[in-house]
Every structure is written in C-alpha cells, then in structure tokens.
N, C-alpha and C. Protein backbone atom coordinates (compact mmCIF):
# COMPACT_ATOMS: atom_id res chain seq x y z
N UNK A 1 12.47 -34.28 10.40
CA UNK A 1 13.30 -33.41 9.60
C UNK A 1 12.49 -32.17 9.25
N UNK A 2 13.14 -31.01 9.31
CA UNK A 2 12.49 -29.75 8.99
C UNK A 2 12.28 -29.62 7.49
N UNK A 3 11.21 -28.92 7.11
CA UNK A 3 10.95 -28.62 5.71
C UNK A 3 10.64 -27.14 5.58
N UNK A 4 10.79 -26.59 4.42
CA UNK A 4 10.51 -25.18 4.17
C UNK A 4 9.84 -25.03 2.83
N UNK A 5 8.97 -24.08 2.74
CA UNK A 5 8.27 -23.80 1.49
C UNK A 5 8.19 -22.30 1.33
N UNK A 6 8.57 -21.80 0.19
CA UNK A 6 8.51 -20.36 -0.09
C UNK A 6 7.09 -19.98 -0.46
N UNK A 7 6.59 -18.92 0.15
CA UNK A 7 5.25 -18.43 -0.19
C UNK A 7 5.33 -16.94 -0.48
N UNK A 8 4.38 -16.46 -1.26
CA UNK A 8 4.27 -15.04 -1.57
C UNK A 8 2.97 -14.53 -0.99
N UNK A 9 3.07 -13.47 -0.21
CA UNK A 9 1.89 -12.87 0.39
C UNK A 9 1.69 -11.49 -0.21
N UNK A 10 0.52 -11.25 -0.79
CA UNK A 10 0.22 -9.93 -1.33
C UNK A 10 -0.34 -9.07 -0.22
N UNK A 11 0.11 -7.81 -0.19
CA UNK A 11 -0.36 -6.88 0.81
C UNK A 11 -0.89 -5.63 0.13
N UNK A 12 -1.93 -5.09 0.70
CA UNK A 12 -2.46 -3.82 0.22
C UNK A 12 -1.86 -2.73 1.09
N UNK A 13 -1.23 -1.77 0.43
CA UNK A 13 -0.60 -0.67 1.15
C UNK A 13 -1.36 0.60 0.83
N UNK A 14 -1.78 1.29 1.86
CA UNK A 14 -2.46 2.56 1.68
C UNK A 14 -1.47 3.66 2.01
N UNK A 15 -1.33 4.57 1.08
CA UNK A 15 -0.36 5.66 1.27
C UNK A 15 -1.05 6.98 0.95
N UNK A 16 -0.90 7.93 1.86
CA UNK A 16 -1.45 9.26 1.60
C UNK A 16 -0.65 9.94 0.50
N UNK A 17 -1.29 10.75 -0.29
CA UNK A 17 -0.60 11.47 -1.36
C UNK A 17 -1.46 12.61 -1.85
N UNK A 18 -1.00 13.26 -2.89
CA UNK A 18 -1.70 14.40 -3.48
C UNK A 18 -1.73 14.26 -4.98
N UNK A 19 -2.78 14.78 -5.58
CA UNK A 19 -2.89 14.85 -7.02
C UNK A 19 -3.02 16.32 -7.39
N UNK A 20 -2.17 16.78 -8.28
CA UNK A 20 -2.22 18.17 -8.74
C UNK A 20 -2.76 18.22 -10.16
N UNK A 21 -3.60 19.18 -10.41
CA UNK A 21 -4.05 19.44 -11.77
C UNK A 21 -3.51 20.83 -12.11
N UNK A 22 -2.61 20.88 -13.10
CA UNK A 22 -1.93 22.12 -13.44
C UNK A 22 -2.23 22.53 -14.87
N UNK A 23 -2.26 23.84 -15.11
CA UNK A 23 -2.31 24.32 -16.48
C UNK A 23 -0.93 24.10 -17.10
N UNK A 24 -0.83 24.24 -18.40
CA UNK A 24 0.47 24.10 -19.06
C UNK A 24 1.46 25.11 -18.49
N UNK A 25 1.03 26.36 -18.32
CA UNK A 25 1.93 27.39 -17.79
C UNK A 25 2.38 27.05 -16.37
N UNK A 26 1.46 26.56 -15.55
CA UNK A 26 1.82 26.19 -14.18
C UNK A 26 2.81 25.03 -14.17
N UNK A 27 2.59 24.03 -15.02
CA UNK A 27 3.48 22.88 -15.09
C UNK A 27 4.87 23.29 -15.57
N UNK A 28 4.95 24.16 -16.56
CA UNK A 28 6.25 24.62 -17.05
C UNK A 28 6.97 25.45 -15.98
N UNK A 29 6.21 26.22 -15.22
CA UNK A 29 6.82 26.99 -14.13
C UNK A 29 7.36 26.06 -13.06
N UNK A 30 6.61 25.03 -12.72
CA UNK A 30 7.10 24.06 -11.74
C UNK A 30 8.35 23.36 -12.24
N UNK A 31 8.41 23.01 -13.52
CA UNK A 31 9.61 22.40 -14.10
C UNK A 31 10.79 23.36 -13.96
N UNK A 32 10.56 24.65 -14.23
CA UNK A 32 11.63 25.64 -14.13
C UNK A 32 12.16 25.73 -12.70
N UNK A 33 11.26 25.70 -11.72
CA UNK A 33 11.68 25.77 -10.32
C UNK A 33 12.43 24.50 -9.92
N UNK A 34 11.87 23.35 -10.26
CA UNK A 34 12.50 22.08 -9.87
C UNK A 34 13.87 21.90 -10.51
N UNK A 35 14.06 22.47 -11.69
CA UNK A 35 15.36 22.36 -12.37
C UNK A 35 16.45 23.15 -11.64
N UNK A 36 16.06 24.05 -10.75
CA UNK A 36 17.03 24.87 -10.02
C UNK A 36 17.37 24.32 -8.64
N UNK A 37 16.85 23.13 -8.31
CA UNK A 37 17.09 22.55 -7.00
C UNK A 37 18.47 21.90 -6.97
N UNK A 38 19.23 22.22 -5.93
CA UNK A 38 20.58 21.68 -5.77
C UNK A 38 20.66 20.91 -4.46
N UNK A 39 21.73 20.17 -4.30
CA UNK A 39 21.94 19.35 -3.11
C UNK A 39 22.19 17.92 -3.53
N UNK A 40 22.45 17.09 -2.56
CA UNK A 40 22.70 15.68 -2.85
C UNK A 40 21.40 14.98 -3.23
N UNK A 41 21.40 14.26 -4.34
CA UNK A 41 20.18 13.54 -4.72
C UNK A 41 19.90 12.33 -3.84
N UNK A 42 20.86 11.91 -3.04
CA UNK A 42 20.65 10.73 -2.20
C UNK A 42 20.52 11.03 -0.72
N UNK A 43 21.05 12.17 -0.27
CA UNK A 43 21.02 12.45 1.17
C UNK A 43 20.30 13.75 1.51
N UNK A 44 19.55 14.29 0.54
CA UNK A 44 18.77 15.50 0.78
C UNK A 44 17.47 15.41 -0.01
N UNK A 45 16.54 16.34 0.21
CA UNK A 45 15.28 16.32 -0.53
C UNK A 45 15.42 16.56 -2.04
N UNK A 46 16.62 16.85 -2.52
CA UNK A 46 16.80 17.06 -3.96
C UNK A 46 16.33 15.85 -4.76
N UNK A 47 16.57 14.66 -4.27
CA UNK A 47 16.14 13.46 -4.99
C UNK A 47 14.63 13.43 -5.19
N UNK A 48 13.88 13.92 -4.21
CA UNK A 48 12.42 13.99 -4.35
C UNK A 48 12.05 14.99 -5.44
N UNK A 49 12.74 16.13 -5.45
CA UNK A 49 12.47 17.15 -6.47
C UNK A 49 12.79 16.60 -7.86
N UNK A 50 13.88 15.86 -7.98
CA UNK A 50 14.24 15.28 -9.28
C UNK A 50 13.20 14.28 -9.75
N UNK A 51 12.63 13.52 -8.81
CA UNK A 51 11.60 12.57 -9.18
C UNK A 51 10.37 13.26 -9.75
N UNK A 52 9.96 14.35 -9.13
CA UNK A 52 8.81 15.11 -9.63
C UNK A 52 9.13 15.72 -10.99
N UNK A 53 10.32 16.29 -11.11
CA UNK A 53 10.76 16.88 -12.38
C UNK A 53 10.73 15.83 -13.49
N UNK A 54 11.24 14.66 -13.20
CA UNK A 54 11.31 13.59 -14.20
C UNK A 54 9.92 13.20 -14.69
N UNK A 55 8.97 13.00 -13.78
CA UNK A 55 7.65 12.58 -14.24
C UNK A 55 6.92 13.69 -14.98
N UNK A 56 7.16 14.93 -14.62
CA UNK A 56 6.56 16.04 -15.37
C UNK A 56 7.06 16.06 -16.81
N UNK A 57 8.37 15.95 -16.97
CA UNK A 57 8.96 15.98 -18.31
C UNK A 57 8.52 14.74 -19.10
N UNK A 58 8.51 13.58 -18.45
CA UNK A 58 8.08 12.35 -19.15
C UNK A 58 6.60 12.40 -19.55
N UNK A 59 5.82 13.18 -18.82
CA UNK A 59 4.39 13.27 -19.16
C UNK A 59 4.12 14.27 -20.27
N UNK A 60 5.18 14.95 -20.73
CA UNK A 60 5.02 15.84 -21.87
C UNK A 60 5.14 17.32 -21.58
N UNK A 61 5.43 17.68 -20.32
CA UNK A 61 5.64 19.09 -20.02
C UNK A 61 6.91 19.53 -20.72
N UNK A 62 6.84 20.67 -21.38
CA UNK A 62 7.98 21.19 -22.13
C UNK A 62 9.17 21.36 -21.19
N UNK A 63 10.29 20.82 -21.60
CA UNK A 63 11.48 20.84 -20.77
C UNK A 63 12.16 22.20 -20.80
N UNK A 64 13.09 22.38 -19.90
CA UNK A 64 13.78 23.65 -19.72
C UNK A 64 15.09 23.72 -20.49
N UNK A 65 15.54 22.60 -21.07
CA UNK A 65 16.84 22.59 -21.73
C UNK A 65 16.75 21.85 -23.04
N UNK A 66 17.30 22.30 -24.13
CA UNK A 66 18.03 23.57 -24.23
C UNK A 66 17.09 24.75 -24.03
N UNK A 67 17.65 25.88 -23.74
CA UNK A 67 16.84 27.07 -23.46
C UNK A 67 15.84 27.29 -24.59
N UNK A 68 14.59 27.40 -24.21
CA UNK A 68 13.51 27.57 -25.18
C UNK A 68 12.90 28.95 -24.96
N UNK A 69 12.76 29.71 -26.03
CA UNK A 69 12.17 31.04 -25.92
C UNK A 69 10.79 30.94 -25.29
N UNK A 70 10.52 31.79 -24.33
CA UNK A 70 9.22 31.83 -23.69
C UNK A 70 9.04 30.86 -22.54
N UNK A 71 10.03 30.01 -22.28
CA UNK A 71 9.92 29.06 -21.16
C UNK A 71 10.27 29.77 -19.87
N UNK A 72 9.52 29.52 -18.78
CA UNK A 72 9.80 30.18 -17.51
C UNK A 72 11.22 29.97 -17.00
N UNK A 73 11.89 28.90 -17.41
CA UNK A 73 13.26 28.67 -16.96
C UNK A 73 14.19 29.80 -17.37
N UNK A 74 13.86 30.51 -18.43
CA UNK A 74 14.70 31.63 -18.87
C UNK A 74 14.65 32.80 -17.88
N UNK A 75 13.71 32.79 -16.98
CA UNK A 75 13.56 33.89 -16.03
C UNK A 75 14.14 33.56 -14.66
N UNK A 76 14.73 32.39 -14.50
CA UNK A 76 15.24 31.98 -13.19
C UNK A 76 16.65 32.50 -12.96
N UNK A 77 16.94 32.74 -11.69
CA UNK A 77 18.28 33.13 -11.26
C UNK A 77 18.57 32.40 -9.96
N UNK A 78 19.77 31.91 -9.80
CA UNK A 78 20.12 31.25 -8.55
C UNK A 78 19.55 29.85 -8.45
N UNK A 79 19.54 29.34 -7.23
CA UNK A 79 19.10 27.97 -7.01
C UNK A 79 18.51 27.84 -5.62
N UNK A 80 17.76 26.77 -5.44
CA UNK A 80 17.32 26.36 -4.12
C UNK A 80 18.22 25.20 -3.74
N UNK A 81 18.99 25.37 -2.68
CA UNK A 81 19.92 24.32 -2.29
C UNK A 81 19.46 23.66 -1.01
N UNK A 82 19.29 22.34 -1.06
CA UNK A 82 18.93 21.58 0.12
C UNK A 82 20.18 21.07 0.81
N UNK A 83 20.24 21.23 2.12
CA UNK A 83 21.26 20.58 2.92
C UNK A 83 20.86 19.11 3.07
N UNK A 84 21.82 18.29 3.52
CA UNK A 84 21.53 16.88 3.74
C UNK A 84 20.55 16.73 4.90
N UNK A 85 19.83 15.61 4.89
CA UNK A 85 18.98 15.29 6.03
C UNK A 85 19.89 15.16 7.26
N UNK A 86 19.37 15.50 8.44
CA UNK A 86 20.20 15.33 9.64
C UNK A 86 20.52 13.86 9.91
N UNK A 87 21.67 13.64 10.48
CA UNK A 87 22.08 12.28 10.86
C UNK A 87 21.14 11.79 11.96
N UNK A 88 20.74 10.53 11.88
CA UNK A 88 19.91 9.97 12.93
C UNK A 88 20.77 9.66 14.13
N UNK A 89 20.25 9.99 15.31
CA UNK A 89 21.02 9.78 16.54
C UNK A 89 20.97 8.34 16.97
C-alpha cells in the first residue's frame, strides 16, 4: 500500500536588487513622481511603482496628499502612463 508524508524544504533564493540612499528632498521628489504614475496596477508596471511609493510613505517620507506647502508634488503636471505589458505569444 502506498504512503505519503508531507515535508517542508527550505530554499535559499538569491535575487539581484538595488539599495538607494536618498536625501529627504530626493525621497519626497521620488514620491511626487511615483504618485503621478497611471496605468493598470495589475497588467502594467504601475503596480511596481505603487509598491515603491507605498514603502517610501510607510518608511516616513512625507506624503503628497493632502497638498502640503513646499512638497515637490505641488510642482507636478500631467502623468506618466504605462501601457499594459504585451500579451505573451
């Protein structure tokens, strides 16, 4: 008779990435730019931009809303709009 046993295997995953060290002004400017990204959050790179925006704000970077005097977001016009990723063939 067959038997089965569930096991858990831990794996080490190595992933390339980047670490940025930003001044407060640079971080607030990046928040202002990322807040202007448009497109589908699930089928375009907008979701990646939202993830970066979220961690910046959660880490204490001054947010862009409500409009705050002196925040770089007050100087933005328009948006960066991402099209969806191409369909895989």
